[in-house]
Amino acid sequence: MGKSPEEALQVPQNAEFESQAREERLQLSLDAANVGTWEWNIRTGEVRWSPTLERIHGKQPGAFRGTFDGFLEDVHPDDRQAVLDAIRNAIVTGRRYEVEYRSTDSHGATLWFEGRGRVFRDEVGEPVWMSGFCLDTTERHQLQDRLQQRQRLESLGVLASGIAHDFNNLLTGILGNASLAEARLMPGDSARPLLGNVVTASRRAAELTQQLLAYAGKGCVSQEPLDLSEIVRELLPLVRPVIPPEVQLFLDLAPAPVVADSGQLHQVVMNLIINAAEAISGVGTVLVTTRTEDMLEGAPLEPGAYACIKVRDTGCGMDANTLERIFDPFFSTKFAGRGLGLAAAHGIVHAHRGAIQVDSAPGRGATFTVLLPAGNRSAASARLPAPSMDLKGAGAILVVDDEEMVLEMAQTSLEIYGYSVLRASDGWSAVDVLNGARETICAVVLDLTMPGMTCEETLKRLRDIRPAMPVIIASGYGGSEITQRFDGAGIDGFLQKPYTPEQLAQCIAVATG
């Protein structure tokens, strides 16, 4: 039977409805995925962008000019040739058009896009049309950049840590021998000031290595209850004189308690405030804010409460290239800068299980945000014991170190204080010396990093032979490294390299007393 007029009309209506529904579902999927579509009439040069494509390019609806030249203007100048080459290749070869390019939004931020499409031809094979889609890949590139930045900083941290460790070994010999030589001279000897200069220079060099260790997250970290707001107040008398008079410093302080190393946090806060003031040329402001904030899931740190300090300036700001290197050691935008301030700050914050973030752009100033875990945390302090009135001792001390200069200096120093000294250059030798010692060994000074047997294994074997014997760990690394590696191992003392003869004798006196 034939269809009635009503039935005949119903079919195309349903087909049209289903086609429209499919298009709408497809468009919803593209919008949700941040995918925009485009069409280019090759003959007329007209280009059509979907509303989604305009949005992900940072444009208002209808703002796109609708021409091929208008599209090229939105492409980063360094990527335009790659886009043109990809289009030419698609037209000539008939292969799919594929290209990745950058653009810039109205705020100057870099956007990344991946464009794909195909060429349509007329009956004689001439290209007349191209259409395709464009995917916003900015977030993926930002994640890749952050990963590369983290890997680069970690690599630089390993390098800085190794340099600081080796340099501290050399400084131990220089500082120790200079101190010994100075002590042997008469008070009026003309060489005393010269040796005093060597000692002073060695101590300053040691401070420099401590900054490198702080950058690597291996500096000396003690733990005590602090408040970031109180740290800011304590630093005001020190920072105000070095801030230009045309730069105003404003404070918005609220309780922000942490458990951290006082000296290192003072270093971080002072560095941030002074850097902010120096970034301002002429009249400007620096705002320091402290708060306690809750970090949620998906944030750069574990969820929980964090003490927060923000230092915001109205200075010149930083471009993307500067931001990428701002925490690299020895990188500085200052004429006379050493480039260790922000590097050390980054390491200090990282060692405290926190994070430091930067938001800046040219002409918009900069905001540095430091987040540190709030609340109480138990951690061992790696401080040098208090000076003893009488450092004279007796008995034998076993000194284990792979640096001959350190061994010689330690032996000479301890003999002055009344000890006899046995020496070993590695863990195996130390075990042999202890096994064959004819006299009672009062204590062991054990270097943290040696070739062959590790320090941990050496300690275990020495304790197997003499369980109650005091062991002092000496290292060019900081106390945080010792705390992490020997937590619960019963270390009797920590000696930070470089050390003086007096500090060596003092540490032994405390460990054996």
Protein backbone atom coordinates (compact mmCIF):
# COMPACT_ATOMS: atom_id res chain seq x y z
CA MET A 1 0.00 0.00 0.00
CA GLY A 2 1.20 3.52 -0.66
CA LYS A 3 1.94 5.96 2.18
CA SER A 4 -0.47 8.67 3.07
CA PRO A 5 0.67 12.29 2.52
CA GLU A 6 1.08 12.68 6.27
CA GLU A 7 3.32 9.57 6.50
CA ALA A 8 5.39 10.67 3.54
CA LEU A 9 6.08 14.01 5.19
CA GLN A 10 6.92 12.43 8.57
CA VAL A 11 10.05 10.55 7.35
CA PRO A 12 12.12 13.54 6.25
CA GLN A 13 11.03 15.41 9.36
CA ASN A 14 12.41 12.58 11.54
CA ALA A 15 15.56 12.33 9.41
CA GLU A 16 16.13 16.06 9.67
CA PHE A 17 15.59 15.91 13.44
CA GLU A 18 18.06 13.02 13.85
CA SER A 19 20.67 14.78 11.69
CA GLN A 20 20.34 17.96 13.72
CA ALA A 21 20.58 16.00 16.98
CA ARG A 22 23.76 14.27 15.77
CA GLU A 23 25.31 17.62 14.88
CA GLU A 24 24.42 19.05 18.27
CA ARG A 25 25.85 16.03 20.10
CA LEU A 26 29.02 16.29 18.03
CA GLN A 27 29.32 20.00 18.79
CA LEU A 28 28.82 19.37 22.53
CA SER A 29 31.59 16.76 22.45
CA LEU A 30 33.93 19.14 20.61
CA ASP A 31 33.17 21.95 23.06
CA ALA A 32 33.77 19.71 26.06
CA ALA A 33 37.13 18.63 24.61
CA ASN A 34 38.15 22.22 23.78
CA VAL A 35 38.21 21.35 20.07
CA GLY A 36 37.29 24.03 17.55
CA THR A 37 36.49 23.51 13.87
CA TRP A 38 37.48 25.62 10.88
CA GLU A 39 36.90 25.88 7.12
CA TRP A 40 39.02 27.68 4.52
CA ASN A 41 37.84 28.58 1.02
CA ILE A 42 41.16 28.45 -0.82
CA ARG A 43 39.89 30.40 -3.81
CA THR A 44 38.31 33.29 -1.91
CA GLY A 45 40.58 33.24 1.17
CA GLU A 46 37.55 33.21 3.49
CA VAL A 47 38.09 31.37 6.77
CA ARG A 48 35.33 30.36 9.18
CA TRP A 49 35.97 29.54 12.82
CA SER A 50 33.53 27.85 15.15
CA PRO A 51 32.65 29.72 18.36
CA THR A 52 34.73 27.18 20.32
CA LEU A 53 37.79 27.92 18.17
CA GLU A 54 37.38 31.63 18.84
CA ARG A 55 37.02 30.99 22.56
CA ILE A 56 40.12 28.81 22.94
CA HIS A 57 42.11 31.44 21.02
CA GLY A 58 41.03 33.99 23.61
CA LYS A 59 38.75 35.96 21.29
CA GLN A 60 35.30 37.37 21.84
CA PRO A 61 32.51 35.83 19.68
CA GLY A 62 32.71 37.25 16.17
CA ALA A 63 36.08 38.91 16.76
CA PHE A 64 37.97 36.73 14.27
CA ARG A 65 38.52 38.60 10.97
CA GLY A 66 37.55 35.59 8.85
CA THR A 67 40.52 35.69 6.48
CA PHE A 68 43.63 33.58 5.98
CA ASP A 69 45.82 36.57 6.84
CA GLY A 70 43.78 37.04 10.01
CA PHE A 71 44.51 33.43 10.98
CA LEU A 72 48.26 33.89 10.36
CA GLU A 73 48.27 37.01 12.55
CA ASP A 74 47.14 34.82 15.46
CA VAL A 75 50.03 32.39 14.92
CA HIS A 76 53.27 33.08 16.78
CA PRO A 77 55.79 34.66 14.35
CA ASP A 78 58.28 31.86 14.97
CA ASP A 79 55.69 29.24 13.99
CA ARG A 80 54.16 30.83 10.88
CA GLN A 81 56.57 29.22 8.45
CA ALA A 82 55.86 25.78 9.93
CA VAL A 83 52.12 26.36 9.46
CA LEU A 84 52.60 27.51 5.85
CA ASP A 85 54.83 24.51 5.11
CA ALA A 86 52.23 22.11 6.55
CA ILE A 87 49.46 23.67 4.42
CA ARG A 88 51.62 23.58 1.28
CA ASN A 89 52.52 19.94 1.93
CA ALA A 90 48.84 18.98 2.34
CA ILE A 91 47.86 20.75 -0.89
CA VAL A 92 50.73 19.33 -2.97
CA THR A 93 50.77 15.75 -1.67
CA GLY A 94 47.15 15.27 -0.64
CA ARG A 95 48.20 14.08 2.77
CA ARG A 96 46.51 15.19 5.94
CA TYR A 97 47.34 18.64 7.27
CA GLU A 98 49.00 18.39 10.70
CA VAL A 99 50.85 21.11 12.57
CA GLU A 100 51.44 22.40 16.10
CA TYR A 101 51.75 26.11 16.69
CA ARG A 102 51.64 28.77 19.37
CA SER A 103 49.46 31.82 19.82
CA THR A 104 49.16 34.58 22.45
CA ASP A 105 46.05 35.62 24.33
CA SER A 106 45.07 39.17 25.27
CA HIS A 107 47.06 38.94 28.53
CA GLY A 108 50.29 37.92 26.80
CA ALA A 109 50.12 34.26 27.87
CA THR A 110 51.34 31.62 25.41
CA LEU A 111 48.74 29.20 24.03
CA TRP A 112 49.50 25.94 22.22
CA PHE A 113 47.34 24.37 19.49
CA GLU A 114 47.38 21.26 17.37
CA GLY A 115 45.72 21.72 13.98
CA ARG A 116 44.57 18.92 11.68
CA GLY A 117 42.58 18.90 8.44
CA ARG A 118 42.28 17.75 4.84
CA VAL A 119 42.08 19.27 1.36
CA PHE A 120 39.01 18.97 -0.87
CA ARG A 121 39.40 19.24 -4.67
CA ASP A 122 37.12 19.93 -7.64
CA GLU A 123 36.41 17.60 -10.56
CA VAL A 124 39.73 18.45 -12.23
CA GLY A 125 41.78 17.97 -9.05
CA GLU A 126 42.31 21.61 -8.12
CA PRO A 127 42.26 22.34 -4.35
CA VAL A 128 39.22 24.43 -3.47
CA TRP A 129 38.56 23.81 0.20
CA MET A 130 40.26 22.85 3.46
CA SER A 131 38.52 22.00 6.70
CA GLY A 132 39.52 20.46 9.99
CA PHE A 133 39.75 20.97 13.70
CA CYS A 134 42.08 22.59 16.20
CA LEU A 135 42.84 21.19 19.67
CA ASP A 136 43.97 23.32 22.62
CA THR A 137 47.15 21.60 23.94
CA THR A 138 48.25 24.41 26.27
CA GLU A 139 47.70 22.44 29.47
CA ARG A 140 49.71 19.49 28.15
CA HIS A 141 52.63 21.77 27.29
CA GLN A 142 52.44 23.47 30.67
CA LEU A 143 52.64 20.07 32.39
CA GLN A 144 55.61 19.12 30.20
CA ASP A 145 57.32 22.43 30.98
CA ARG A 146 56.80 21.94 34.71
CA LEU A 147 58.18 18.41 34.52
CA GLN A 148 61.23 19.59 32.57
CA GLN A 149 61.74 22.45 35.02
CA ARG A 150 61.56 20.03 37.94
CA GLN A 151 64.00 17.63 36.29
CA ARG A 152 66.41 20.47 35.49
CA LEU A 153 66.27 21.78 39.05
CA GLU A 154 66.81 18.29 40.43
CA SER A 155 69.83 17.82 38.15
CA LEU A 156 71.22 21.18 39.19
CA GLY A 157 70.57 20.26 42.81
CA VAL A 158 72.63 17.08 42.47
CA LEU A 159 75.43 19.07 40.82
CA ALA A 160 75.33 21.83 43.45
CA SER A 161 75.28 19.25 46.24
CA GLY A 162 78.31 17.44 44.86
CA ILE A 163 80.26 20.67 44.40
CA ALA A 164 79.42 21.83 47.93
CA HIS A 165 80.39 18.47 49.44
CA ASP A 166 83.77 18.33 47.69
CA PHE A 167 84.45 21.98 48.42
CA ASN A 168 83.65 21.49 52.10
CA ASN A 169 86.20 18.67 52.23
CA LEU A 170 88.86 21.02 50.85
CA LEU A 171 87.80 23.77 53.23
CA THR A 172 88.13 21.37 56.17
CA GLY A 173 91.81 21.02 55.40
CA ILE A 174 92.31 24.73 54.72
CA LEU A 175 90.37 26.00 57.75
CA GLY A 176 91.75 23.35 60.09
CA ASN A 177 95.38 23.77 59.12
CA ALA A 178 95.14 27.57 59.16
CA SER A 179 93.63 27.40 62.67
CA LEU A 180 96.41 25.06 63.83
CA ALA A 181 99.12 27.30 62.37
CA GLU A 182 97.57 30.42 63.90
CA ALA A 183 97.46 28.77 67.33
CA ARG A 184 101.20 27.98 67.21
CA LEU A 185 102.26 31.56 66.57
CA MET A 186 103.13 34.04 69.29
CA PRO A 187 100.53 36.76 69.88
CA GLY A 188 102.65 39.46 68.21
CA ASP A 189 103.80 37.41 65.24
CA SER A 190 103.35 39.28 61.95
CA ALA A 191 101.97 36.13 60.28
CA ARG A 192 98.96 35.93 62.60
CA PRO A 193 96.86 38.52 60.70
CA LEU A 194 97.61 36.71 57.44
CA LEU A 195 96.44 33.38 58.81
CA GLY A 196 93.46 35.15 60.33
CA ASN A 197 92.53 36.30 56.84
CA VAL A 198 92.75 32.72 55.60
CA VAL A 199 90.43 31.56 58.39
CA THR A 200 87.96 34.38 57.66
CA ALA A 201 87.98 33.66 53.92
CA SER A 202 87.46 29.94 54.62
CA ARG A 203 84.44 30.68 56.81
CA ARG A 204 82.93 32.90 54.10
CA ALA A 205 83.52 30.16 51.54
CA ALA A 206 81.81 27.73 53.91
CA GLU A 207 78.79 30.05 54.04
CA LEU A 208 78.70 29.98 50.24
CA THR A 209 78.68 26.18 50.22
CA GLN A 210 75.86 26.22 52.77
CA GLN A 211 73.81 28.23 50.28
CA LEU A 212 74.53 25.61 47.62
CA LEU A 213 73.51 22.87 50.05
CA ALA A 214 70.35 24.79 50.90
CA TYR A 215 69.52 24.93 47.18
CA ALA A 216 70.03 21.16 46.95
CA GLY A 217 67.80 20.63 49.99
CA LYS A 218 70.68 19.19 52.03
CA GLY A 219 71.45 22.12 54.28
CA CYS A 220 71.53 22.03 58.06
CA VAL A 221 67.88 22.08 59.20
CA SER A 222 66.82 22.42 62.83
CA GLN A 223 63.20 22.43 63.98
CA GLU A 224 61.52 24.88 66.33
CA PRO A 225 58.06 26.50 66.64
CA LEU A 226 57.94 29.73 64.63
CA ASP A 227 55.44 32.16 63.17
CA LEU A 228 56.01 33.65 59.72
CA SER A 229 54.46 36.93 60.87
CA GLU A 230 56.97 37.21 63.73
CA ILE A 231 59.83 36.51 61.32
CA VAL A 232 58.66 39.40 59.12
CA ARG A 233 58.47 41.72 62.14
CA GLU A 234 61.93 40.69 63.32
CA LEU A 235 63.40 41.44 59.89
CA LEU A 236 61.86 44.92 59.52
CA PRO A 237 64.75 46.77 61.23
CA LEU A 238 67.17 45.01 58.87
CA VAL A 239 65.34 45.40 55.56
CA ARG A 240 63.90 48.91 55.87
CA PRO A 241 67.31 50.66 55.65
CA VAL A 242 68.15 48.89 52.36
CA ILE A 243 64.78 49.59 50.71
CA PRO A 244 64.80 52.81 48.64
CA PRO A 245 62.72 55.61 50.24
CA GLU A 246 60.41 55.84 47.21
CA VAL A 247 59.39 52.18 47.69
CA GLN A 248 56.65 51.71 50.29
CA LEU A 249 56.51 48.50 52.33
CA PHE A 250 53.05 47.38 53.47
CA LEU A 251 52.31 44.48 55.83
CA ASP A 252 49.15 42.41 56.14
CA LEU A 253 50.09 39.85 58.78
CA ALA A 254 48.01 37.10 60.33
CA PRO A 255 49.13 34.10 62.42
CA ALA A 256 51.02 31.58 60.28
CA PRO A 257 52.66 29.03 62.60
CA VAL A 258 55.26 26.56 61.35
CA VAL A 259 57.91 24.26 62.81
CA ALA A 260 61.08 25.04 60.92
CA ASP A 261 64.66 26.30 60.92
CA SER A 262 64.64 29.90 62.16
CA GLY A 263 67.84 31.02 60.44
CA GLN A 264 66.89 29.55 57.09
CA LEU A 265 63.39 31.04 57.09
CA HIS A 266 64.86 34.44 57.97
CA GLN A 267 67.12 34.02 54.93
CA VAL A 268 64.17 33.16 52.66
CA VAL A 269 61.92 36.02 53.81
CA MET A 270 64.69 38.63 53.73
CA ASN A 271 65.72 37.56 50.24
CA LEU A 272 62.16 37.80 48.91
CA ILE A 273 61.50 41.25 50.39
CA ILE A 274 64.80 42.75 49.24
CA ASN A 275 64.44 41.24 45.75
CA ALA A 276 60.92 42.68 45.50
CA ALA A 277 62.17 46.17 46.43
CA GLU A 278 65.09 45.97 43.99
CA ALA A 279 62.70 45.02 41.17
CA ILE A 280 61.06 48.46 41.43
CA SER A 281 62.54 51.38 39.54
CA GLY A 282 61.23 54.61 41.05
CA VAL A 283 58.01 54.79 43.04
CA GLY A 284 56.34 51.52 43.94
CA THR A 285 55.06 49.25 46.67
CA VAL A 286 55.90 45.90 48.24
CA LEU A 287 53.11 44.05 50.04
CA VAL A 288 53.94 41.21 52.45
CA THR A 289 51.03 38.99 53.45
CA THR A 290 50.98 36.05 55.86
CA ARG A 291 48.12 33.61 56.32
CA THR A 292 47.27 30.01 57.10
CA GLU A 293 45.56 28.31 54.18
CA ASP A 294 44.03 24.90 53.55
CA MET A 295 45.40 23.03 50.54
CA LEU A 296 42.84 20.85 48.73
CA GLU A 297 43.17 17.79 46.52
CA GLY A 298 44.77 18.55 43.16
CA ALA A 299 47.00 21.31 44.55
CA PRO A 300 50.81 21.15 44.10
CA LEU A 301 51.18 19.97 47.72
CA GLU A 302 49.54 17.31 49.86
CA PRO A 303 46.14 18.32 51.27
CA GLY A 304 46.29 20.01 54.67
CA ALA A 305 46.98 23.29 56.45
CA TYR A 306 49.88 25.43 55.23
CA ALA A 307 51.46 28.61 56.51
CA CYS A 308 51.66 31.04 53.60
CA ILE A 309 53.72 34.16 52.98
CA LYS A 310 53.23 36.23 49.83
CA VAL A 311 55.56 39.01 48.71
CA ARG A 312 54.05 41.12 45.93
CA ASP A 313 55.79 44.01 44.16
CA THR A 314 54.83 46.56 41.53
CA GLY A 315 58.15 46.23 39.74
CA CYS A 316 59.09 45.53 36.15
CA GLY A 317 58.04 41.87 36.23
CA MET A 318 59.72 38.97 34.47
CA ASP A 319 59.35 37.38 31.06
CA ALA A 320 58.94 33.66 30.44
CA ASN A 321 62.66 33.05 29.85
CA THR A 322 63.58 34.63 33.18
CA LEU A 323 60.86 32.71 35.03
CA GLU A 324 62.22 29.44 33.68
CA ARG A 325 65.66 30.12 35.20
CA ILE A 326 64.78 32.16 38.27
CA PHE A 327 65.68 29.36 40.72
CA ASP A 328 68.80 28.17 38.90
CA PRO A 329 72.01 28.59 40.95
CA PHE A 330 74.27 31.43 39.76
CA PHE A 331 71.53 32.92 37.56
CA SER A 332 70.93 36.58 38.33
CA THR A 333 69.41 39.59 36.60
CA LYS A 334 71.40 41.91 38.87
CA PHE A 335 74.65 43.48 37.75
CA ALA A 336 76.50 42.38 40.91
CA GLY A 337 74.33 39.44 41.94
CA ARG A 338 75.73 36.01 42.83
CA GLY A 339 72.53 34.25 41.82
CA LEU A 340 72.25 32.10 44.94
CA GLY A 341 69.53 33.91 46.89
CA LEU A 342 66.45 32.50 45.16
CA ALA A 343 68.22 29.20 44.46
CA ALA A 344 68.89 28.78 48.18
CA ALA A 345 65.34 29.89 49.03
CA HIS A 346 63.94 27.23 46.70
CA GLY A 347 66.09 24.54 48.34
CA ILE A 348 65.23 25.66 51.87
CA VAL A 349 61.50 25.59 51.17
CA HIS A 350 61.80 22.21 49.47
CA ALA A 351 63.76 20.81 52.45
CA HIS A 352 60.90 21.94 54.70
CA ARG A 353 58.41 19.97 52.52
CA GLY A 354 56.93 23.16 51.13
CA ALA A 355 56.62 24.90 47.77
CA ILE A 356 57.53 28.29 46.33
CA GLN A 357 55.54 29.70 43.41
CA VAL A 358 55.99 32.76 41.18
CA ASP A 359 53.41 34.73 39.22
CA SER A 360 54.84 37.45 37.01
CA ALA A 361 54.76 39.04 33.58
CA PRO A 362 56.58 42.04 32.05
CA GLY A 363 55.09 45.27 33.39
CA ARG A 364 52.86 43.51 35.95
CA GLY A 365 55.25 43.05 38.85
CA ALA A 366 55.77 39.72 40.59
CA THR A 367 54.23 37.71 43.42
CA PHE A 368 56.28 35.09 45.26
CA THR A 369 54.25 32.65 47.37
CA VAL A 370 55.87 30.35 49.92
CA LEU A 371 53.82 27.51 51.41
CA LEU A 372 55.08 25.54 54.42
CA PRO A 373 53.28 22.79 56.35
CA ALA A 374 51.59 24.28 59.41
CA GLY A 375 51.34 22.62 62.79
CA ASN A 376 53.72 20.50 64.80
CA ARG A 377 56.19 18.15 63.18
CA SER A 378 58.80 16.12 65.03
CA ALA A 379 62.30 16.35 63.65
CA ALA A 380 65.77 15.99 65.05
CA SER A 381 67.96 19.04 65.36
CA ALA A 382 71.43 18.80 63.91
CA ARG A 383 73.09 21.59 65.84
CA LEU A 384 76.69 21.60 67.01
CA PRO A 385 76.85 20.96 70.74
CA ALA A 386 77.58 23.85 73.08
CA PRO A 387 81.27 24.63 73.74
CA SER A 388 82.93 22.74 76.56
CA MET A 389 85.19 24.45 79.09
CA ASP A 390 87.72 21.60 79.10
CA LEU A 391 88.32 19.88 75.78
CA LYS A 392 91.36 17.87 76.88
CA GLY A 393 90.89 14.14 76.57
CA ALA A 394 92.67 10.78 76.53
CA GLY A 395 92.46 7.49 74.66
CA ALA A 396 92.33 6.66 70.97
CA ILE A 397 90.04 8.13 68.32
CA LEU A 398 89.43 6.36 65.02
CA VAL A 399 89.06 8.88 62.17
CA VAL A 400 87.64 7.49 58.91
CA ASP A 401 87.83 9.72 55.82
CA ASP A 402 88.88 9.26 52.19
CA GLU A 403 90.56 12.69 52.06
CA GLU A 404 94.18 12.47 53.18
CA MET A 405 94.34 16.19 54.01
CA VAL A 406 91.33 15.83 56.33
CA LEU A 407 92.90 12.82 58.05
CA GLU A 408 96.16 14.66 58.66
CA MET A 409 94.42 17.75 60.01
CA ALA A 410 92.16 15.70 62.30
CA GLN A 411 95.10 13.71 63.65
CA THR A 412 97.19 16.81 64.37
CA SER A 413 94.23 18.53 66.02
CA LEU A 414 93.27 15.63 68.28
CA GLU A 415 96.84 14.97 69.35
CA ILE A 416 97.02 18.57 70.57
CA TYR A 417 94.00 17.85 72.78
CA GLY A 418 95.63 14.72 74.24
CA TYR A 419 94.17 11.94 72.12
CA SER A 420 95.98 9.30 70.11
CA VAL A 421 94.64 8.81 66.60
CA LEU A 422 94.05 5.79 64.36
CA ARG A 423 93.26 6.47 60.71
CA ALA A 424 91.31 4.68 57.99
CA SER A 425 90.54 5.79 54.44
CA ASP A 426 87.41 3.64 53.87
CA GLY A 427 84.90 1.40 55.60
CA TRP A 428 86.79 -1.86 55.12
CA SER A 429 89.96 -0.34 56.59
CA ALA A 430 87.98 1.04 59.53
CA VAL A 431 86.62 -2.42 60.36
CA ASP A 432 90.14 -3.90 60.14
CA VAL A 433 91.58 -1.16 62.37
CA LEU A 434 88.88 -1.65 65.00
CA ASN A 435 89.33 -5.43 64.97
CA GLY A 436 93.08 -5.16 65.37
CA ALA A 437 93.25 -2.23 67.79
CA ARG A 438 95.43 -2.99 70.82
CA GLU A 439 94.16 -0.01 72.75
CA THR A 440 90.63 0.98 73.58
CA ILE A 441 89.06 3.25 70.97
CA CYS A 442 86.99 5.94 72.69
CA ALA A 443 85.06 7.13 69.64
CA VAL A 444 84.89 7.04 65.85
CA VAL A 445 84.66 10.06 63.55
CA LEU A 446 83.10 8.61 60.40
CA ASP A 447 82.84 10.43 57.07
CA LEU A 448 79.40 10.26 55.45
CA THR A 449 80.53 9.77 51.84
CA MET A 450 83.34 7.34 51.01
CA PRO A 451 84.14 4.95 48.16
CA GLY A 452 83.47 1.25 48.62
CA MET A 453 81.48 0.34 51.71
CA THR A 454 78.74 2.83 52.49
CA CYS A 455 78.68 4.83 55.70
CA GLU A 456 75.57 2.97 56.87
CA GLU A 457 77.16 -0.44 56.32
CA THR A 458 80.40 0.71 57.95
CA LEU A 459 78.46 1.94 60.98
CA LYS A 460 76.64 -1.39 61.27
CA ARG A 461 79.87 -3.41 61.13
CA LEU A 462 81.61 -1.15 63.65
CA ARG A 463 78.65 -1.45 66.01
CA ASP A 464 78.71 -5.24 65.61
CA ILE A 465 82.25 -5.17 66.99
CA ARG A 466 81.72 -2.46 69.65
CA PRO A 467 77.99 -1.83 70.21
CA ALA A 468 78.40 0.95 72.80
CA MET A 469 81.19 2.86 71.06
CA PRO A 470 80.27 6.52 70.31
CA VAL A 471 80.15 7.32 66.58
CA ILE A 472 80.20 10.86 65.16
CA ILE A 473 79.21 11.43 61.53
CA ALA A 474 81.20 14.11 59.70
CA SER A 475 79.91 15.48 56.41
CA GLY A 476 80.07 18.31 53.94
CA TYR A 477 76.31 17.87 53.62
CA GLY A 478 73.96 19.36 56.19
CA GLY A 479 72.24 17.92 59.21
CA SER A 480 69.00 17.22 57.32
CA GLU A 481 70.82 14.60 55.25
CA ILE A 482 72.05 12.92 58.45
CA THR A 483 68.57 12.99 59.99
CA GLN A 484 67.05 11.32 56.92
CA ARG A 485 69.71 8.63 56.51
CA PHE A 486 70.36 7.74 60.16
CA ASP A 487 66.97 8.27 61.81
CA GLY A 488 66.88 5.89 64.78
CA ALA A 489 70.41 4.59 64.16
CA GLY A 490 71.77 6.01 67.42
CA ILE A 491 74.28 8.55 66.08
CA ASP A 492 76.20 10.20 68.93
CA GLY A 493 77.05 13.43 67.13
CA PHE A 494 77.20 15.28 63.85
CA LEU A 495 80.18 17.34 62.70
CA GLN A 496 79.54 19.78 59.88
CA LYS A 497 82.45 20.24 57.47
CA PRO A 498 84.44 22.40 57.36
CA TYR A 499 85.26 22.29 61.06
CA THR A 500 88.02 23.71 63.22
CA PRO A 501 90.21 21.71 65.61
CA GLU A 502 88.24 23.14 68.53
CA GLN A 503 84.91 22.07 67.03
CA LEU A 504 86.27 18.57 66.44
CA ALA A 505 87.49 18.22 70.03
CA GLN A 506 84.27 19.75 71.33
CA CYS A 507 82.09 17.25 69.46
CA ILE A 508 84.15 14.30 70.74
CA ALA A 509 84.02 15.62 74.31
CA VAL A 510 80.22 15.78 74.19
CA ALA A 511 79.85 12.36 72.52
CA THR A 512 82.15 10.61 75.03
CA GLY A 513 81.15 12.58 78.10
